[in-house]
Structure formats: C-alpha cells, structure tokens
Amino acid sequence: MSETLPILYVKPGCPWCTDVINFLQASGISYREVNVTESATAAAEMKKKSGQTKAPTLDWNGKILADFGVEELRPFLRKQNVKFEDS
C-alpha cells in the first residue's frame, strides 16, 4: 500500500518540511516520507522529478510540487480533490 501513497521528500532540520509534515498529519492525509539526506538515490529521484534539490518536494501521483510551504500546499491538494474540514 505504501508504494501507492504520495511521496514527500524531506530534509532534516528543514522548517518548511516540518510545517508540511505537521499539516498533513493534522489533516489526516497519508503519505510516504523519504529523507533525501539519507539516500543519494532518493535525492537523485527528487531532482529528476522536480528539476531542483530543495525540500520539501511532493509527488502526488505524478503531479509535482517542489520547494513549498503549507500556503502553496493547500491549493495544490484542493486541485487533487483533497477535502479539508474547512472546505
């Protein structure tokens, strides 16, 4: 099942990554977290998908959101038909 979940590429100590993780967890949105500092393969995968090396990067079933915060995440998820309590 985890292979079909959206992939969130993160770096430890990244405040935007922490904010996004907290938001996704609080919203009950499942995802697979990949730490790109622990794996050169994961870092290369993130760069290939997004064209850059900044985190967080989200791969939502092939739709990529890179170098973002919660403010950019909410409208992106709405476009993916994700419902929030306040929508």
N, C-alpha and C. Protein backbone atom coordinates (compact mmCIF):
# COMPACT_ATOMS: atom_id res chain seq x y z
N MET A 1 0.83 -1.21 0.00
CA MET A 1 0.00 0.00 0.00
C MET A 1 0.86 1.25 0.00
N SER A 2 1.94 1.28 0.77
CA SER A 2 2.74 2.50 0.88
C SER A 2 3.34 2.92 -0.46
N GLU A 3 3.48 1.99 -1.39
CA GLU A 3 4.03 2.34 -2.69
C GLU A 3 3.06 3.21 -3.50
N THR A 4 1.77 3.18 -3.17
CA THR A 4 0.79 3.97 -3.91
C THR A 4 0.53 5.33 -3.25
N LEU A 5 1.09 5.53 -2.07
CA LEU A 5 0.89 6.80 -1.37
C LEU A 5 1.71 7.91 -2.03
N PRO A 6 1.24 9.14 -1.90
CA PRO A 6 2.06 10.27 -2.35
C PRO A 6 3.41 10.25 -1.62
N ILE A 7 4.44 10.72 -2.29
CA ILE A 7 5.78 10.72 -1.71
C ILE A 7 6.16 12.15 -1.33
N LEU A 8 6.56 12.32 -0.07
CA LEU A 8 7.03 13.61 0.42
C LEU A 8 8.52 13.50 0.66
N TYR A 9 9.31 14.21 -0.13
CA TYR A 9 10.76 14.23 0.03
C TYR A 9 11.11 15.35 1.00
N VAL A 10 11.88 15.02 2.03
CA VAL A 10 12.21 15.98 3.09
C VAL A 10 13.69 15.94 3.43
N LYS A 11 14.11 16.99 4.14
CA LYS A 11 15.46 17.08 4.70
C LYS A 11 15.32 17.39 6.19
N PRO A 12 16.07 16.71 7.06
CA PRO A 12 16.01 17.00 8.49
C PRO A 12 16.41 18.45 8.77
N GLY A 13 15.73 19.06 9.71
CA GLY A 13 16.04 20.44 10.08
C GLY A 13 15.39 21.48 9.19
N CYS A 14 14.70 21.05 8.16
CA CYS A 14 14.03 21.98 7.24
C CYS A 14 12.71 22.43 7.87
N PRO A 15 12.57 23.71 8.19
CA PRO A 15 11.34 24.17 8.86
C PRO A 15 10.10 24.02 7.98
N TRP A 16 10.24 24.18 6.66
CA TRP A 16 9.10 24.02 5.76
C TRP A 16 8.67 22.56 5.73
N CYS A 17 9.65 21.66 5.77
CA CYS A 17 9.33 20.23 5.80
C CYS A 17 8.53 19.90 7.07
N THR A 18 8.98 20.41 8.20
CA THR A 18 8.30 20.18 9.47
C THR A 18 6.87 20.71 9.42
N ASP A 19 6.69 21.91 8.90
CA ASP A 19 5.35 22.50 8.79
C ASP A 19 4.44 21.65 7.92
N VAL A 20 4.97 21.19 6.80
CA VAL A 20 4.18 20.38 5.87
C VAL A 20 3.81 19.04 6.50
N ILE A 21 4.77 18.39 7.16
CA ILE A 21 4.50 17.12 7.85
C ILE A 21 3.41 17.31 8.89
N ASN A 22 3.53 18.36 9.70
CA ASN A 22 2.52 18.63 10.73
C ASN A 22 1.14 18.86 10.11
N PHE A 23 1.10 19.61 9.01
CA PHE A 23 -0.16 19.90 8.33
C PHE A 23 -0.79 18.61 7.78
N LEU A 24 0.00 17.79 7.11
CA LEU A 24 -0.52 16.55 6.53
C LEU A 24 -1.03 15.62 7.63
N GLN A 25 -0.28 15.50 8.71
CA GLN A 25 -0.70 14.63 9.80
C GLN A 25 -1.98 15.16 10.46
N ALA A 26 -2.03 16.46 10.72
CA ALA A 26 -3.21 17.06 11.34
C ALA A 26 -4.44 16.94 10.44
N SER A 27 -4.23 16.91 9.13
CA SER A 27 -5.33 16.81 8.17
C SER A 27 -5.70 15.36 7.88
N GLY A 28 -4.95 14.41 8.43
CA GLY A 28 -5.24 13.00 8.19
C GLY A 28 -4.92 12.54 6.79
N ILE A 29 -3.95 13.20 6.14
CA ILE A 29 -3.57 12.86 4.77
C ILE A 29 -2.36 11.92 4.82
N SER A 30 -2.52 10.73 4.27
CA SER A 30 -1.46 9.73 4.26
C SER A 30 -0.43 10.04 3.18
N TYR A 31 0.81 9.72 3.46
CA TYR A 31 1.89 9.93 2.51
C TYR A 31 3.06 9.05 2.93
N ARG A 32 4.03 8.92 2.03
CA ARG A 32 5.25 8.19 2.34
C ARG A 32 6.38 9.22 2.41
N GLU A 33 7.05 9.27 3.54
CA GLU A 33 8.12 10.25 3.76
C GLU A 33 9.46 9.65 3.35
N VAL A 34 10.23 10.42 2.55
CA VAL A 34 11.55 9.99 2.11
C VAL A 34 12.56 11.07 2.48
N ASN A 35 13.54 10.70 3.29
CA ASN A 35 14.60 11.62 3.70
C ASN A 35 15.70 11.57 2.65
N VAL A 36 15.86 12.67 1.92
CA VAL A 36 16.82 12.68 0.81
C VAL A 36 18.26 12.83 1.26
N THR A 37 18.48 13.15 2.53
CA THR A 37 19.86 13.23 3.01
C THR A 37 20.41 11.86 3.38
N GLU A 38 19.54 10.87 3.50
CA GLU A 38 19.97 9.51 3.86
C GLU A 38 20.23 8.64 2.64
N SER A 39 19.84 9.10 1.47
CA SER A 39 19.95 8.26 0.28
C SER A 39 20.24 9.11 -0.95
N ALA A 40 21.39 8.84 -1.58
CA ALA A 40 21.72 9.54 -2.82
C ALA A 40 20.72 9.19 -3.91
N THR A 41 20.21 7.98 -3.88
CA THR A 41 19.21 7.55 -4.86
C THR A 41 17.93 8.36 -4.71
N ALA A 42 17.50 8.54 -3.45
CA ALA A 42 16.29 9.33 -3.20
C ALA A 42 16.49 10.79 -3.62
N ALA A 43 17.66 11.33 -3.33
CA ALA A 43 17.96 12.72 -3.72
C ALA A 43 17.94 12.87 -5.24
N ALA A 44 18.51 11.90 -5.94
CA ALA A 44 18.53 11.94 -7.40
C ALA A 44 17.11 11.79 -7.96
N GLU A 45 16.30 10.94 -7.32
CA GLU A 45 14.91 10.76 -7.74
C GLU A 45 14.13 12.06 -7.59
N MET A 46 14.32 12.74 -6.44
CA MET A 46 13.64 14.01 -6.21
C MET A 46 14.06 15.03 -7.26
N LYS A 47 15.36 15.11 -7.54
CA LYS A 47 15.85 16.09 -8.51
C LYS A 47 15.33 15.79 -9.91
N LYS A 48 15.26 14.52 -10.26
CA LYS A 48 14.75 14.15 -11.58
C LYS A 48 13.28 14.54 -11.72
N LYS A 49 12.50 14.31 -10.67
CA LYS A 49 11.07 14.62 -10.72
C LYS A 49 10.79 16.12 -10.71
N SER A 50 11.57 16.86 -9.92
CA SER A 50 11.24 18.27 -9.68
C SER A 50 12.15 19.26 -10.42
N GLY A 51 13.30 18.79 -10.86
CA GLY A 51 14.24 19.68 -11.53
C GLY A 51 15.05 20.53 -10.58
N GLN A 52 15.00 20.23 -9.29
CA GLN A 52 15.74 21.01 -8.30
C GLN A 52 16.06 20.14 -7.08
N THR A 53 16.77 20.71 -6.12
CA THR A 53 17.23 19.93 -4.97
C THR A 53 16.64 20.41 -3.65
N LYS A 54 15.68 21.30 -3.70
CA LYS A 54 15.13 21.86 -2.46
C LYS A 54 13.96 21.02 -1.95
N ALA A 55 13.86 20.98 -0.63
CA ALA A 55 12.78 20.26 0.02
C ALA A 55 11.93 21.26 0.79
N PRO A 56 10.67 20.93 1.02
CA PRO A 56 10.04 19.68 0.64
C PRO A 56 9.66 19.64 -0.83
N THR A 57 9.55 18.42 -1.33
CA THR A 57 9.01 18.17 -2.66
C THR A 57 7.98 17.07 -2.51
N LEU A 58 6.83 17.26 -3.13
CA LEU A 58 5.74 16.29 -3.05
C LEU A 58 5.45 15.73 -4.43
N ASP A 59 5.42 14.41 -4.52
CA ASP A 59 4.99 13.72 -5.74
C ASP A 59 3.62 13.12 -5.44
N TRP A 60 2.59 13.77 -5.95
CA TRP A 60 1.21 13.34 -5.73
C TRP A 60 0.75 12.63 -7.00
N ASN A 61 1.02 11.35 -7.07
CA ASN A 61 0.62 10.54 -8.23
C ASN A 61 1.09 11.16 -9.54
N GLY A 62 2.36 11.60 -9.55
CA GLY A 62 2.94 12.15 -10.77
C GLY A 62 2.84 13.66 -10.91
N LYS A 63 2.06 14.31 -10.08
CA LYS A 63 2.00 15.77 -10.07
C LYS A 63 2.97 16.25 -8.99
N ILE A 64 3.86 17.15 -9.37
CA ILE A 64 4.97 17.54 -8.50
C ILE A 64 4.76 18.95 -7.97
N LEU A 65 4.97 19.10 -6.66
CA LEU A 65 5.02 20.41 -6.00
C LEU A 65 6.37 20.47 -5.29
N ALA A 66 7.19 21.44 -5.68
CA ALA A 66 8.55 21.49 -5.16
C ALA A 66 8.83 22.80 -4.43
N ASP A 67 9.66 22.70 -3.39
CA ASP A 67 10.13 23.87 -2.65
C ASP A 67 8.94 24.74 -2.23
N PHE A 68 8.12 24.22 -1.33
CA PHE A 68 6.86 24.86 -0.99
C PHE A 68 6.63 24.89 0.51
N GLY A 69 5.64 25.65 0.91
CA GLY A 69 5.16 25.69 2.28
C GLY A 69 3.69 25.32 2.32
N VAL A 70 3.11 25.36 3.49
CA VAL A 70 1.70 24.99 3.65
C VAL A 70 0.81 25.88 2.80
N GLU A 71 1.17 27.16 2.64
CA GLU A 71 0.34 28.09 1.85
C GLU A 71 0.20 27.62 0.41
N GLU A 72 1.25 27.05 -0.15
CA GLU A 72 1.20 26.52 -1.52
C GLU A 72 0.59 25.12 -1.55
N LEU A 73 0.74 24.38 -0.46
CA LEU A 73 0.25 23.01 -0.42
C LEU A 73 -1.27 22.92 -0.45
N ARG A 74 -1.93 23.77 0.30
CA ARG A 74 -3.40 23.70 0.38
C ARG A 74 -4.06 23.81 -1.00
N PRO A 75 -3.77 24.83 -1.81
CA PRO A 75 -4.41 24.90 -3.12
C PRO A 75 -3.99 23.75 -4.04
N PHE A 76 -2.74 23.30 -3.92
CA PHE A 76 -2.29 22.16 -4.71
C PHE A 76 -3.13 20.93 -4.40
N LEU A 77 -3.34 20.66 -3.11
CA LEU A 77 -4.13 19.49 -2.71
C LEU A 77 -5.59 19.63 -3.12
N ARG A 78 -6.12 20.84 -3.05
CA ARG A 78 -7.51 21.05 -3.49
C ARG A 78 -7.65 20.69 -4.97
N LYS A 79 -6.64 21.02 -5.78
CA LYS A 79 -6.67 20.66 -7.21
C LYS A 79 -6.62 19.15 -7.40
N GLN A 80 -6.12 18.43 -6.39
CA GLN A 80 -6.07 16.97 -6.45
C GLN A 80 -7.33 16.37 -5.81
N ASN A 81 -8.33 17.21 -5.57
CA ASN A 81 -9.61 16.80 -4.99
C ASN A 81 -9.51 16.31 -3.55
N VAL A 82 -8.54 16.83 -2.81
CA VAL A 82 -8.43 16.52 -1.39
C VAL A 82 -9.32 17.50 -0.64
N LYS A 83 -10.17 16.98 0.23
CA LYS A 83 -11.09 17.81 1.01
C LYS A 83 -10.52 18.08 2.39
N PHE A 84 -10.72 19.30 2.86
CA PHE A 84 -10.30 19.71 4.19
C PHE A 84 -11.55 20.01 5.00
N GLU A 85 -11.41 20.02 6.31
CA GLU A 85 -12.55 20.29 7.19
C GLU A 85 -13.17 21.66 6.92
N ASP A 86 -12.36 22.63 6.51
CA ASP A 86 -12.87 23.98 6.30
C ASP A 86 -13.30 24.26 4.86
N SER A 87 -13.31 23.22 3.99
CA SER A 87 -13.70 23.48 2.60
C SER A 87 -15.09 23.01 2.31
